[in-house]
């Protein structure tokens, strides 16, 4: 059996993605395996982070097809709904409620736009400072930045996707108007607090941002053995 994980944009039906995706499926087949692909959102599996990723699983052609795990949670994220209705997502507030952390170097958001963060409501972003939102002193044009620009966590929802190498004003930021600390990142990815990450805070975020949340990984592997 095997598991492959990658960004879900690989499934887009465009010139940048489709040839690579088709080649991947073809070569898996030529190697004697049957692939089954599906985009899974980590939040649908109890991870307090909306993190959609492509999972390609497979078994040898002589074996029964593997299955992806069934969702255990469900709700709204970005502009869609997914998962198991009636079993609400784990929220960032729940995940961080018991996390004890100390201030870390570089957690302050400074520079050209750092002073704007405190006034942004939880769950909102730079669009708060636009004329379309009737801000008295607009700083930005409508939808001229990435959604994650000055994006702040909402305690009542899962965290948005946490990037491996965000820019200086790319969130999600803590509702206390700072960057997330390593213990908080661990909680939002479902890494145990005792799990050791080597290197700087930026390195720790890069390692987790490129990883599969452990709770989701476990469910994928367990489903393949059923």
N, C-alpha and C. Protein backbone atom coordinates (compact mmCIF):
# COMPACT_ATOMS: atom_id res chain seq x y z
N UNK A 1 0.84 -1.20 0.00
CA UNK A 1 0.00 0.00 0.00
C UNK A 1 0.88 1.24 0.00
N UNK A 2 0.29 2.37 -0.36
CA UNK A 2 1.04 3.63 -0.31
C UNK A 2 0.08 4.78 -0.03
N UNK A 3 0.66 5.87 0.45
CA UNK A 3 -0.06 7.13 0.65
C UNK A 3 0.80 8.26 0.09
N UNK A 4 0.20 9.10 -0.74
CA UNK A 4 0.85 10.32 -1.22
C UNK A 4 -0.01 11.51 -0.82
N UNK A 5 0.63 12.58 -0.41
CA UNK A 5 -0.11 13.80 -0.03
C UNK A 5 0.52 14.99 -0.73
N UNK A 6 -0.34 15.90 -1.23
CA UNK A 6 0.18 17.10 -1.89
C UNK A 6 -0.90 18.17 -1.86
N UNK A 7 -0.57 19.35 -2.37
CA UNK A 7 -1.56 20.44 -2.42
C UNK A 7 -2.70 20.04 -3.35
N UNK A 8 -3.92 20.43 -2.98
CA UNK A 8 -5.06 20.00 -3.76
C UNK A 8 -5.18 20.71 -5.10
N UNK A 9 -4.38 21.78 -5.30
CA UNK A 9 -4.36 22.44 -6.61
C UNK A 9 -3.86 21.50 -7.70
N UNK A 10 -3.21 20.42 -7.32
CA UNK A 10 -2.75 19.44 -8.31
C UNK A 10 -3.91 18.83 -9.08
N UNK A 11 -5.12 18.88 -8.51
CA UNK A 11 -6.29 18.29 -9.17
C UNK A 11 -6.98 19.27 -10.11
N UNK A 12 -6.52 20.53 -10.16
CA UNK A 12 -7.19 21.52 -11.01
C UNK A 12 -7.09 21.12 -12.48
N UNK A 13 -8.15 21.34 -13.21
CA UNK A 13 -8.18 21.00 -14.62
C UNK A 13 -7.62 22.15 -15.46
N UNK A 14 -6.32 22.38 -15.33
CA UNK A 14 -5.67 23.44 -16.09
C UNK A 14 -4.31 22.95 -16.58
N UNK A 15 -3.66 23.77 -17.41
CA UNK A 15 -2.40 23.36 -18.02
C UNK A 15 -1.28 23.23 -16.99
N UNK A 16 -1.38 23.97 -15.91
CA UNK A 16 -0.31 23.93 -14.90
C UNK A 16 -0.35 22.65 -14.06
N UNK A 17 -1.54 22.07 -13.89
CA UNK A 17 -1.69 20.94 -12.97
C UNK A 17 -2.05 19.62 -13.64
N UNK A 18 -3.01 19.65 -14.56
CA UNK A 18 -3.57 18.41 -15.10
C UNK A 18 -2.52 17.48 -15.71
N UNK A 19 -1.58 17.96 -16.53
CA UNK A 19 -0.60 17.01 -17.10
C UNK A 19 0.21 16.27 -16.04
N UNK A 20 0.56 16.97 -14.95
CA UNK A 20 1.34 16.33 -13.89
C UNK A 20 0.49 15.32 -13.12
N UNK A 21 -0.76 15.68 -12.85
CA UNK A 21 -1.66 14.77 -12.14
C UNK A 21 -1.92 13.52 -12.99
N UNK A 22 -2.20 13.73 -14.27
CA UNK A 22 -2.46 12.59 -15.16
C UNK A 22 -1.23 11.68 -15.25
N UNK A 23 -0.06 12.28 -15.33
CA UNK A 23 1.16 11.47 -15.41
C UNK A 23 1.36 10.67 -14.12
N UNK A 24 1.09 11.30 -12.97
CA UNK A 24 1.22 10.60 -11.69
C UNK A 24 0.31 9.38 -11.66
N UNK A 25 -0.97 9.57 -12.06
CA UNK A 25 -1.92 8.45 -12.04
C UNK A 25 -1.47 7.35 -13.01
N UNK A 26 -0.98 7.75 -14.17
CA UNK A 26 -0.53 6.79 -15.16
C UNK A 26 0.65 5.95 -14.64
N UNK A 27 1.62 6.62 -14.04
CA UNK A 27 2.82 5.91 -13.59
C UNK A 27 2.53 5.02 -12.38
N UNK A 28 1.58 5.42 -11.55
CA UNK A 28 1.16 4.54 -10.45
C UNK A 28 0.56 3.26 -11.02
N UNK A 29 -0.29 3.43 -12.04
CA UNK A 29 -0.89 2.26 -12.69
C UNK A 29 0.14 1.37 -13.34
N UNK A 30 1.12 1.97 -14.01
CA UNK A 30 2.16 1.19 -14.68
C UNK A 30 3.03 0.44 -13.69
N UNK A 31 3.11 0.94 -12.46
CA UNK A 31 3.88 0.27 -11.41
C UNK A 31 3.12 -0.89 -10.78
N UNK A 32 1.86 -1.08 -11.20
CA UNK A 32 1.09 -2.22 -10.70
C UNK A 32 0.14 -1.90 -9.56
N UNK A 33 -0.13 -0.61 -9.35
CA UNK A 33 -1.01 -0.20 -8.26
C UNK A 33 -2.24 0.53 -8.80
N UNK A 34 -3.30 0.49 -8.03
CA UNK A 34 -4.53 1.21 -8.38
C UNK A 34 -4.68 2.38 -7.41
N UNK A 35 -4.62 3.63 -7.91
CA UNK A 35 -4.72 4.79 -7.03
C UNK A 35 -6.16 5.24 -6.81
N UNK A 36 -6.42 5.74 -5.63
CA UNK A 36 -7.71 6.36 -5.31
C UNK A 36 -7.39 7.72 -4.71
N UNK A 37 -7.86 8.79 -5.34
CA UNK A 37 -7.51 10.13 -4.88
C UNK A 37 -8.74 10.86 -4.34
N UNK A 38 -8.49 11.71 -3.34
CA UNK A 38 -9.57 12.50 -2.74
C UNK A 38 -8.96 13.67 -1.99
N UNK A 39 -9.63 14.80 -2.03
CA UNK A 39 -9.21 15.96 -1.24
C UNK A 39 -9.85 15.85 0.14
N UNK A 40 -9.01 15.82 1.17
CA UNK A 40 -9.48 15.75 2.55
C UNK A 40 -9.18 17.06 3.26
N UNK A 41 -10.15 17.56 3.99
CA UNK A 41 -9.95 18.75 4.82
C UNK A 41 -9.68 18.30 6.24
N UNK A 42 -8.54 18.67 6.79
CA UNK A 42 -8.15 18.21 8.12
C UNK A 42 -9.22 18.50 9.17
N UNK A 43 -9.93 19.62 9.02
CA UNK A 43 -10.96 19.97 10.00
C UNK A 43 -12.07 18.93 10.04
N UNK A 44 -12.31 18.24 8.93
CA UNK A 44 -13.35 17.20 8.89
C UNK A 44 -12.97 15.98 9.71
N UNK A 45 -11.72 15.95 10.20
CA UNK A 45 -11.21 14.79 10.94
C UNK A 45 -10.74 15.16 12.33
N UNK A 46 -11.30 16.24 12.88
CA UNK A 46 -11.02 16.61 14.25
C UNK A 46 -9.79 17.47 14.46
N UNK A 47 -9.14 17.90 13.38
CA UNK A 47 -7.99 18.80 13.49
C UNK A 47 -8.53 20.23 13.55
N UNK A 48 -8.09 21.05 14.49
CA UNK A 48 -8.63 22.41 14.61
C UNK A 48 -8.02 23.37 13.59
N UNK A 49 -7.97 22.94 12.34
CA UNK A 49 -7.41 23.74 11.26
C UNK A 49 -8.06 23.33 9.94
N UNK A 50 -8.60 24.29 9.21
CA UNK A 50 -9.14 24.02 7.88
C UNK A 50 -7.96 23.90 6.92
N UNK A 51 -7.67 22.67 6.52
CA UNK A 51 -6.46 22.40 5.76
C UNK A 51 -6.76 21.36 4.68
N UNK A 52 -7.28 21.77 3.53
CA UNK A 52 -7.58 20.80 2.47
C UNK A 52 -6.31 20.38 1.74
N UNK A 53 -6.14 19.06 1.56
CA UNK A 53 -4.99 18.53 0.85
C UNK A 53 -5.41 17.29 0.05
N UNK A 54 -4.68 17.05 -1.03
CA UNK A 54 -4.93 15.88 -1.85
C UNK A 54 -4.25 14.65 -1.23
N UNK A 55 -5.01 13.57 -1.06
CA UNK A 55 -4.46 12.31 -0.60
C UNK A 55 -4.71 11.25 -1.67
N UNK A 56 -3.64 10.70 -2.19
CA UNK A 56 -3.72 9.59 -3.14
C UNK A 56 -3.28 8.34 -2.40
N UNK A 57 -4.19 7.38 -2.29
CA UNK A 57 -3.87 6.13 -1.62
C UNK A 57 -4.01 4.99 -2.63
N UNK A 58 -3.35 3.88 -2.39
CA UNK A 58 -3.45 2.79 -3.34
C UNK A 58 -2.94 1.48 -2.80
N UNK A 59 -3.37 0.43 -3.45
CA UNK A 59 -2.90 -0.91 -3.16
C UNK A 59 -2.50 -1.58 -4.46
N UNK A 60 -1.78 -2.69 -4.36
CA UNK A 60 -1.43 -3.45 -5.54
C UNK A 60 -2.70 -3.88 -6.27
N UNK A 61 -2.62 -3.96 -7.59
CA UNK A 61 -3.81 -4.24 -8.41
C UNK A 61 -4.49 -5.55 -8.07
N UNK A 62 -3.77 -6.47 -7.42
CA UNK A 62 -4.37 -7.76 -7.04
C UNK A 62 -5.07 -7.71 -5.69
N UNK A 63 -5.04 -6.56 -5.03
CA UNK A 63 -5.65 -6.42 -3.70
C UNK A 63 -6.91 -5.57 -3.79
N UNK A 64 -7.80 -5.64 -2.77
CA UNK A 64 -8.99 -4.79 -2.77
C UNK A 64 -8.60 -3.30 -2.70
N UNK A 65 -9.46 -2.47 -3.28
CA UNK A 65 -9.19 -1.03 -3.25
C UNK A 65 -9.20 -0.50 -1.82
N UNK A 66 -8.29 0.41 -1.49
CA UNK A 66 -8.33 1.04 -0.16
C UNK A 66 -9.40 2.12 -0.13
N UNK A 67 -9.75 2.55 1.06
CA UNK A 67 -10.75 3.61 1.21
C UNK A 67 -10.18 4.74 2.05
N UNK A 68 -10.64 5.96 1.78
CA UNK A 68 -10.29 7.09 2.62
C UNK A 68 -11.16 7.07 3.88
N UNK A 69 -10.70 7.67 4.95
CA UNK A 69 -11.50 7.66 6.18
C UNK A 69 -12.76 8.51 6.03
N UNK A 70 -13.79 8.12 6.74
CA UNK A 70 -15.02 8.91 6.77
C UNK A 70 -14.84 10.09 7.72
N UNK A 71 -15.41 11.25 7.38
CA UNK A 71 -15.28 12.42 8.27
C UNK A 71 -15.88 12.16 9.64
N UNK A 72 -15.28 12.77 10.63
CA UNK A 72 -15.78 12.67 12.01
C UNK A 72 -16.37 14.00 12.49
N UNK A 73 -16.11 15.08 11.77
CA UNK A 73 -16.59 16.42 12.12
C UNK A 73 -17.04 17.13 10.84
N UNK A 74 -17.76 18.23 11.02
CA UNK A 74 -18.20 18.97 9.84
C UNK A 74 -18.58 20.39 10.18
N UNK A 75 -18.67 21.22 9.13
CA UNK A 75 -19.06 22.61 9.33
C UNK A 75 -18.67 23.48 8.16
N UNK A 76 -18.67 24.78 8.40
CA UNK A 76 -18.37 25.76 7.35
C UNK A 76 -16.93 26.21 7.44
N UNK A 77 -16.28 26.37 6.30
CA UNK A 77 -14.93 26.92 6.22
C UNK A 77 -14.81 27.62 4.87
N UNK A 78 -14.14 28.77 4.89
CA UNK A 78 -14.06 29.63 3.72
C UNK A 78 -15.47 29.84 3.18
N UNK A 79 -15.75 29.41 1.93
CA UNK A 79 -17.08 29.64 1.36
C UNK A 79 -17.81 28.32 1.10
N UNK A 80 -17.51 27.31 1.88
CA UNK A 80 -18.11 26.01 1.64
C UNK A 80 -18.38 25.29 2.95
N UNK A 81 -19.07 24.17 2.83
CA UNK A 81 -19.31 23.29 3.97
C UNK A 81 -18.85 21.89 3.58
N UNK A 82 -18.38 21.15 4.56
CA UNK A 82 -17.98 19.78 4.30
C UNK A 82 -17.99 18.99 5.58
N UNK A 83 -17.76 17.69 5.45
CA UNK A 83 -17.64 16.84 6.63
C UNK A 83 -18.95 16.26 7.12
N UNK A 84 -18.96 15.89 8.39
CA UNK A 84 -20.09 15.21 9.01
C UNK A 84 -20.96 16.23 9.73
N UNK A 85 -22.14 16.46 9.19
CA UNK A 85 -23.05 17.41 9.82
C UNK A 85 -23.50 16.90 11.19
N UNK A 86 -23.65 17.81 12.11
CA UNK A 86 -24.09 17.44 13.46
C UNK A 86 -22.96 17.18 14.43
N UNK A 87 -21.72 17.18 13.93
CA UNK A 87 -20.56 16.99 14.80
C UNK A 87 -19.61 18.16 14.56
N UNK A 88 -19.77 19.26 15.29
CA UNK A 88 -19.07 20.51 14.98
C UNK A 88 -17.56 20.38 14.99
N UNK A 89 -16.96 21.23 14.18
CA UNK A 89 -15.49 21.30 14.11
C UNK A 89 -14.89 21.61 15.48
N UNK A 90 -13.67 21.14 15.69
CA UNK A 90 -12.87 21.61 16.82
C UNK A 90 -12.38 23.01 16.48
N UNK A 91 -12.48 23.91 17.41
CA UNK A 91 -12.14 25.30 17.15
C UNK A 91 -10.74 25.66 17.63
N UNK A 92 -10.24 26.78 17.12
CA UNK A 92 -8.94 27.28 17.58
C UNK A 92 -9.00 27.61 19.07
N UNK A 93 -10.14 28.14 19.51
CA UNK A 93 -10.28 28.46 20.93
C UNK A 93 -10.17 27.23 21.81
N UNK A 94 -10.81 26.13 21.40
CA UNK A 94 -10.71 24.88 22.15
C UNK A 94 -9.27 24.38 22.18
N UNK A 95 -8.65 24.39 21.01
CA UNK A 95 -7.30 23.83 20.88
C UNK A 95 -6.28 24.58 21.72
N UNK A 96 -6.44 25.89 21.82
CA UNK A 96 -5.44 26.71 22.51
C UNK A 96 -5.78 27.00 23.96
N UNK A 97 -6.95 26.58 24.41
CA UNK A 97 -7.40 26.95 25.76
C UNK A 97 -6.49 26.41 26.87
N UNK A 98 -5.87 25.27 26.64
CA UNK A 98 -5.02 24.68 27.68
C UNK A 98 -3.53 24.78 27.37
N UNK A 99 -3.18 25.50 26.30
CA UNK A 99 -1.77 25.61 25.91
C UNK A 99 -1.09 26.69 26.74
N UNK A 100 0.00 26.32 27.37
CA UNK A 100 0.80 27.27 28.14
C UNK A 100 2.03 27.60 27.30
N UNK A 101 2.25 28.89 27.05
CA UNK A 101 3.39 29.29 26.21
C UNK A 101 4.01 30.57 26.72
N UNK A 102 5.27 30.71 26.45
CA UNK A 102 6.01 31.91 26.82
C UNK A 102 6.23 32.77 25.57
N UNK A 103 6.39 34.09 25.74
CA UNK A 103 6.68 34.95 24.58
C UNK A 103 7.92 34.46 23.82
N UNK A 104 7.88 34.63 22.51
CA UNK A 104 8.97 34.17 21.66
C UNK A 104 9.54 35.33 20.86
N UNK A 105 10.82 35.29 20.54
CA UNK A 105 11.42 36.34 19.71
C UNK A 105 10.72 36.40 18.35
N UNK A 106 10.44 37.60 17.90
CA UNK A 106 9.84 37.78 16.58
C UNK A 106 8.34 37.61 16.52
N UNK A 107 7.67 37.46 17.67
CA UNK A 107 6.23 37.26 17.61
C UNK A 107 5.45 38.56 17.39
N UNK A 108 6.09 39.69 17.62
CA UNK A 108 5.41 40.98 17.42
C UNK A 108 5.29 41.27 15.92
N UNK A 109 4.11 41.72 15.51
CA UNK A 109 3.88 42.09 14.12
C UNK A 109 4.13 43.59 14.01
N UNK A 110 5.22 43.95 13.40
CA UNK A 110 5.62 45.36 13.32
C UNK A 110 5.65 45.81 11.86
N UNK A 111 6.47 46.79 11.56
CA UNK A 111 6.62 47.24 10.19
C UNK A 111 5.47 48.08 9.70
N UNK A 112 5.31 48.12 8.41
CA UNK A 112 4.38 49.04 7.75
C UNK A 112 2.93 48.82 8.15
N UNK A 113 2.52 47.54 8.34
CA UNK A 113 1.10 47.25 8.58
C UNK A 113 0.81 46.66 9.96
N UNK A 114 1.83 46.44 10.76
CA UNK A 114 1.62 45.80 12.05
C UNK A 114 0.65 46.54 12.95
N UNK A 115 0.67 47.86 12.88
CA UNK A 115 -0.20 48.66 13.76
C UNK A 115 -1.68 48.51 13.42
N UNK A 116 -1.99 47.94 12.25
CA UNK A 116 -3.38 47.80 11.83
C UNK A 116 -4.05 46.56 12.45
N UNK A 117 -3.25 45.62 12.89
CA UNK A 117 -3.79 44.33 13.34
C UNK A 117 -4.73 44.43 14.54
N UNK A 118 -4.44 45.23 15.56
CA UNK A 118 -5.30 45.22 16.74
C UNK A 118 -6.77 45.56 16.48
N UNK A 119 -7.06 46.40 15.51
CA UNK A 119 -8.45 46.79 15.27
C UNK A 119 -9.23 45.79 14.43
N UNK A 120 -8.54 44.84 13.80
CA UNK A 120 -9.23 43.86 12.97
C UNK A 120 -9.97 42.87 13.86
N UNK A 121 -11.27 42.65 13.63
CA UNK A 121 -12.02 41.69 14.46
C UNK A 121 -11.53 40.26 14.24
N UNK A 122 -11.79 39.40 15.20
CA UNK A 122 -11.43 37.99 15.05
C UNK A 122 -12.08 37.41 13.79
N UNK A 123 -11.33 36.62 13.06
CA UNK A 123 -11.83 36.00 11.86
C UNK A 123 -11.82 36.88 10.63
N UNK A 124 -11.41 38.13 10.79
CA UNK A 124 -11.40 39.06 9.67
C UNK A 124 -9.97 39.28 9.19
N UNK A 125 -9.83 40.09 8.14
CA UNK A 125 -8.51 40.32 7.55
C UNK A 125 -8.41 41.77 7.05
N UNK A 126 -7.52 42.01 6.11
CA UNK A 126 -7.27 43.37 5.63
C UNK A 126 -8.51 44.04 5.04
N UNK A 127 -9.51 43.25 4.64
CA UNK A 127 -10.72 43.83 4.06
C UNK A 127 -11.45 44.74 5.04
N UNK A 128 -11.15 44.57 6.32
CA UNK A 128 -11.73 45.46 7.33
C UNK A 128 -11.37 46.91 7.03
N UNK A 129 -10.20 47.13 6.43
CA UNK A 129 -9.71 48.48 6.14
C UNK A 129 -9.98 48.89 4.70
N UNK A 130 -11.17 48.58 4.18
CA UNK A 130 -11.52 48.97 2.82
C UNK A 130 -12.76 49.86 2.81
N UNK A 131 -12.89 50.64 1.74
CA UNK A 131 -14.05 51.52 1.60
C UNK A 131 -15.34 50.72 1.50
N UNK A 132 -15.28 49.55 0.91
CA UNK A 132 -16.47 48.71 0.76
C UNK A 132 -17.02 48.29 2.11
N UNK A 133 -16.15 48.22 3.10
CA UNK A 133 -16.57 47.92 4.47
C UNK A 133 -16.87 49.20 5.26
N UNK A 134 -16.88 50.31 4.56
CA UNK A 134 -17.19 51.62 5.15
C UNK A 134 -16.19 52.05 6.21
N UNK A 135 -14.93 51.64 6.02
CA UNK A 135 -13.91 52.11 6.96
C UNK A 135 -13.65 53.59 6.72
N UNK A 136 -13.59 54.40 7.78
CA UNK A 136 -13.42 55.85 7.60
C UNK A 136 -12.07 56.23 7.00
N UNK A 137 -11.06 55.38 7.15
CA UNK A 137 -9.74 55.66 6.60
C UNK A 137 -9.21 54.41 5.89
N UNK A 138 -9.74 54.13 4.70
CA UNK A 138 -9.36 52.89 4.00
C UNK A 138 -7.86 52.82 3.73
N UNK A 139 -7.31 51.64 3.95
CA UNK A 139 -5.89 51.40 3.71
C UNK A 139 -5.66 50.56 2.45
N UNK A 140 -6.69 49.78 2.05
CA UNK A 140 -6.52 48.83 0.96
C UNK A 140 -7.71 48.89 0.01
N UNK A 141 -7.46 48.45 -1.22
CA UNK A 141 -8.54 48.28 -2.18
C UNK A 141 -9.15 46.90 -1.98
N UNK A 142 -10.40 46.77 -2.41
CA UNK A 142 -11.15 45.54 -2.21
C UNK A 142 -10.51 44.38 -2.96
N UNK A 143 -10.20 43.33 -2.25
CA UNK A 143 -9.67 42.08 -2.79
C UNK A 143 -8.43 42.28 -3.65
N UNK A 144 -7.54 43.14 -3.18
CA UNK A 144 -6.26 43.36 -3.87
C UNK A 144 -5.10 42.66 -3.15
N UNK A 145 -5.41 41.97 -2.06
CA UNK A 145 -4.41 41.21 -1.32
C UNK A 145 -4.89 39.76 -1.19
N UNK A 146 -3.98 38.87 -0.80
CA UNK A 146 -4.39 37.50 -0.49
C UNK A 146 -5.29 37.50 0.74
N UNK A 147 -6.20 36.52 0.78
CA UNK A 147 -7.14 36.41 1.90
C UNK A 147 -6.43 36.37 3.24
N UNK A 148 -5.25 35.76 3.27
CA UNK A 148 -4.53 35.57 4.53
C UNK A 148 -3.79 36.82 5.01
N UNK A 149 -3.85 37.91 4.25
CA UNK A 149 -3.15 39.13 4.63
C UNK A 149 -3.84 39.76 5.84
N UNK A 150 -3.09 39.89 6.94
CA UNK A 150 -3.60 40.42 8.21
C UNK A 150 -4.80 39.61 8.73
N UNK A 151 -4.81 38.34 8.44
CA UNK A 151 -5.90 37.46 8.87
C UNK A 151 -5.72 37.08 10.34
N UNK A 152 -6.81 37.18 11.09
CA UNK A 152 -6.76 36.90 12.52
C UNK A 152 -7.61 35.68 12.86
N UNK A 153 -7.13 34.86 13.79
CA UNK A 153 -7.88 33.69 14.24
C UNK A 153 -9.23 34.09 14.83
N UNK A 154 -10.20 33.22 14.63
CA UNK A 154 -11.50 33.33 15.28
C UNK A 154 -11.58 32.19 16.30
N UNK A 155 -11.75 32.52 17.55
CA UNK A 155 -11.79 31.49 18.59
C UNK A 155 -12.90 30.47 18.39
N UNK A 156 -13.96 30.87 17.68
CA UNK A 156 -15.11 29.99 17.50
C UNK A 156 -15.06 29.14 16.25
N UNK A 157 -13.94 29.15 15.53
CA UNK A 157 -13.82 28.37 14.30
C UNK A 157 -12.45 27.68 14.25
N UNK A 158 -12.31 26.68 13.37
CA UNK A 158 -10.97 26.13 13.17
C UNK A 158 -10.03 27.19 12.62
N UNK A 159 -8.76 27.05 12.85
CA UNK A 159 -7.79 27.96 12.26
C UNK A 159 -7.82 27.82 10.75
N UNK A 160 -7.64 28.92 10.01
CA UNK A 160 -7.39 28.77 8.58
C UNK A 160 -6.06 28.04 8.36
N UNK A 161 -5.80 27.64 7.13
CA UNK A 161 -4.58 26.92 6.81
C UNK A 161 -3.35 27.72 7.24
N UNK A 162 -2.47 27.07 7.96
CA UNK A 162 -1.22 27.68 8.42
C UNK A 162 -0.13 27.35 7.42
N UNK A 163 0.48 28.38 6.84
CA UNK A 163 1.47 28.19 5.80
C UNK A 163 2.85 27.89 6.40
N UNK A 164 3.67 27.24 5.57
CA UNK A 164 5.01 26.89 6.02
C UNK A 164 5.93 28.10 6.07
N UNK A 165 5.83 28.98 5.08
CA UNK A 165 6.71 30.14 5.00
C UNK A 165 5.91 31.39 4.64
N UNK A 166 5.15 31.89 5.58
CA UNK A 166 4.31 33.06 5.30
C UNK A 166 5.13 34.33 5.22
N UNK A 167 4.58 35.31 4.52
CA UNK A 167 5.19 36.64 4.50
C UNK A 167 4.98 37.33 5.83
N UNK A 168 5.56 38.51 6.03
CA UNK A 168 5.51 39.17 7.34
C UNK A 168 4.11 39.57 7.80
N UNK A 169 3.17 39.70 6.86
CA UNK A 169 1.81 40.10 7.24
C UNK A 169 0.78 39.03 6.89
N UNK A 170 1.24 37.82 6.71
CA UNK A 170 0.36 36.71 6.36
C UNK A 170 -0.01 35.94 7.62
N UNK A 171 -1.31 35.81 7.87
CA UNK A 171 -1.80 35.09 9.03
C UNK A 171 -2.01 33.62 8.74
N UNK A 172 -2.70 32.95 9.67
CA UNK A 172 -3.46 33.56 10.75
C UNK A 172 -2.59 34.02 11.93
N UNK A 173 -2.98 35.18 12.47
CA UNK A 173 -2.35 35.71 13.67
C UNK A 173 -3.24 35.39 14.88
N UNK A 174 -2.64 35.37 16.05
CA UNK A 174 -3.39 35.13 17.28
C UNK A 174 -4.36 36.29 17.50
N UNK A 175 -5.47 36.01 18.19
CA UNK A 175 -6.42 37.08 18.50
C UNK A 175 -5.84 38.11 19.45
N UNK A 176 -4.67 37.79 20.03
CA UNK A 176 -3.98 38.78 20.86
C UNK A 176 -3.00 39.62 20.03
N UNK A 177 -3.17 39.58 18.73
CA UNK A 177 -2.44 40.48 17.80
C UNK A 177 -0.93 40.22 17.77
N UNK A 178 -0.58 38.96 17.66
CA UNK A 178 0.82 38.55 17.55
C UNK A 178 0.88 37.28 16.71
N UNK A 179 2.11 36.88 16.38
CA UNK A 179 2.27 35.62 15.67
C UNK A 179 2.03 34.45 16.62
N UNK A 180 1.63 33.34 16.07
CA UNK A 180 1.41 32.15 16.88
C UNK A 180 2.74 31.61 17.39
N UNK A 181 2.75 31.16 18.62
CA UNK A 181 3.95 30.56 19.21
C UNK A 181 4.02 29.08 18.87
N UNK A 182 5.20 28.51 19.00
CA UNK A 182 5.41 27.11 18.61
C UNK A 182 4.45 26.16 19.34
N UNK A 183 4.26 26.28 20.67
CA UNK A 183 3.30 25.38 21.32
C UNK A 183 1.88 25.53 20.76
N UNK A 184 1.51 26.74 20.35
CA UNK A 184 0.19 26.96 19.78
C UNK A 184 0.09 26.34 18.39
N UNK A 185 1.16 26.45 17.61
CA UNK A 185 1.18 25.80 16.30
C UNK A 185 1.04 24.29 16.45
N UNK A 186 1.75 23.73 17.42
CA UNK A 186 1.64 22.29 17.66
C UNK A 186 0.19 21.90 17.92
N UNK A 187 -0.50 22.66 18.76
CA UNK A 187 -1.88 22.34 19.10
C UNK A 187 -2.79 22.43 17.88
N UNK A 188 -2.56 23.40 17.02
CA UNK A 188 -3.41 23.57 15.84
C UNK A 188 -3.12 22.55 14.76
N UNK A 189 -1.97 21.87 14.86
CA UNK A 189 -1.63 20.79 13.94
C UNK A 189 -1.87 19.41 14.56
N UNK A 190 -2.18 19.35 15.83
CA UNK A 190 -2.35 18.13 16.63
C UNK A 190 -1.04 17.39 16.89
N UNK A 191 0.09 18.10 16.89
CA UNK A 191 1.32 17.50 17.37
C UNK A 191 1.30 17.49 18.89
N UNK A 192 1.78 16.43 19.52
CA UNK A 192 1.89 16.43 20.99
C UNK A 192 2.81 17.56 21.44
N UNK A 193 2.53 18.14 22.59
CA UNK A 193 3.36 19.22 23.08
C UNK A 193 4.79 18.77 23.35
N UNK A 194 4.98 17.49 23.66
CA UNK A 194 6.33 17.00 23.94
C UNK A 194 7.12 16.71 22.66
N UNK A 195 6.48 16.81 21.50
CA UNK A 195 7.18 16.55 20.24
C UNK A 195 8.24 17.63 20.04
N UNK A 196 9.47 17.22 19.78
CA UNK A 196 10.59 18.16 19.69
C UNK A 196 10.81 18.61 18.25
N UNK A 197 10.84 19.90 18.07
CA UNK A 197 11.16 20.50 16.78
C UNK A 197 12.48 21.24 16.92
N UNK A 198 13.41 20.98 16.03
CA UNK A 198 14.74 21.56 16.11
C UNK A 198 14.82 22.81 15.25
N UNK A 199 15.45 23.85 15.79
CA UNK A 199 15.66 25.06 15.01
C UNK A 199 14.87 26.23 15.53
N UNK A 200 14.87 27.32 14.77
CA UNK A 200 14.20 28.56 15.15
C UNK A 200 12.69 28.42 15.07
N UNK A 201 11.99 29.46 15.52
CA UNK A 201 10.54 29.46 15.41
C UNK A 201 10.11 29.36 13.96
N UNK A 202 10.78 30.09 13.07
CA UNK A 202 10.44 30.03 11.65
C UNK A 202 10.65 28.63 11.09
N UNK A 203 11.73 27.99 11.53
CA UNK A 203 12.00 26.62 11.08
C UNK A 203 10.92 25.67 11.59
N UNK A 204 10.49 25.85 12.83
CA UNK A 204 9.45 24.99 13.40
C UNK A 204 8.15 25.15 12.61
N UNK A 205 7.80 26.39 12.26
CA UNK A 205 6.59 26.60 11.48
C UNK A 205 6.72 25.98 10.10
N UNK A 206 7.90 26.08 9.49
CA UNK A 206 8.11 25.48 8.17
C UNK A 206 7.94 23.96 8.23
N UNK A 207 8.48 23.35 9.29
CA UNK A 207 8.36 21.90 9.43
C UNK A 207 6.91 21.47 9.58
N UNK A 208 6.16 22.18 10.43
CA UNK A 208 4.76 21.82 10.62
C UNK A 208 3.91 22.20 9.41
N UNK A 209 4.22 23.35 8.81
CA UNK A 209 3.46 23.78 7.64
C UNK A 209 3.60 22.88 6.45
N UNK A 210 4.66 22.08 6.40
CA UNK A 210 4.86 21.12 5.32
C UNK A 210 4.43 19.71 5.71
N UNK A 211 3.84 19.56 6.87
CA UNK A 211 3.51 18.23 7.38
C UNK A 211 2.04 17.90 7.18
N UNK A 212 1.72 16.63 7.41
CA UNK A 212 0.33 16.19 7.52
C UNK A 212 -0.01 16.17 9.01
N UNK A 213 -1.09 16.82 9.45
CA UNK A 213 -1.45 16.77 10.87
C UNK A 213 -1.52 15.32 11.36
N UNK A 214 -0.83 15.00 12.45
CA UNK A 214 -0.78 13.61 12.91
C UNK A 214 -2.14 12.94 13.09
N UNK A 215 -3.13 13.67 13.63
CA UNK A 215 -4.44 13.05 13.84
C UNK A 215 -5.08 12.64 12.52
N UNK A 216 -4.88 13.43 11.47
CA UNK A 216 -5.41 13.07 10.15
C UNK A 216 -4.61 11.91 9.56
N UNK A 217 -3.29 11.97 9.67
CA UNK A 217 -2.45 10.90 9.13
C UNK A 217 -2.84 9.55 9.74
N UNK A 218 -3.08 9.53 11.03
CA UNK A 218 -3.45 8.28 11.70
C UNK A 218 -4.76 7.72 11.13
N UNK A 219 -5.74 8.61 10.90
CA UNK A 219 -7.03 8.13 10.40
C UNK A 219 -6.92 7.62 8.96
N UNK A 220 -6.08 8.25 8.16
CA UNK A 220 -5.88 7.78 6.79
C UNK A 220 -5.28 6.38 6.79
N UNK A 221 -4.24 6.17 7.60
CA UNK A 221 -3.57 4.87 7.64
C UNK A 221 -4.50 3.80 8.21
N UNK A 222 -5.24 4.14 9.27
CA UNK A 222 -6.14 3.15 9.87
C UNK A 222 -7.23 2.73 8.88
N UNK A 223 -7.75 3.69 8.10
CA UNK A 223 -8.81 3.37 7.13
C UNK A 223 -8.30 2.42 6.05
N UNK A 224 -7.04 2.56 5.68
CA UNK A 224 -6.47 1.70 4.64
C UNK A 224 -6.32 0.26 5.09
N UNK A 225 -6.31 0.03 6.39
CA UNK A 225 -6.13 -1.32 6.91
C UNK A 225 -7.47 -2.01 7.24
N UNK A 226 -8.56 -1.34 6.96
CA UNK A 226 -9.86 -1.96 7.26
C UNK A 226 -10.26 -2.94 6.18
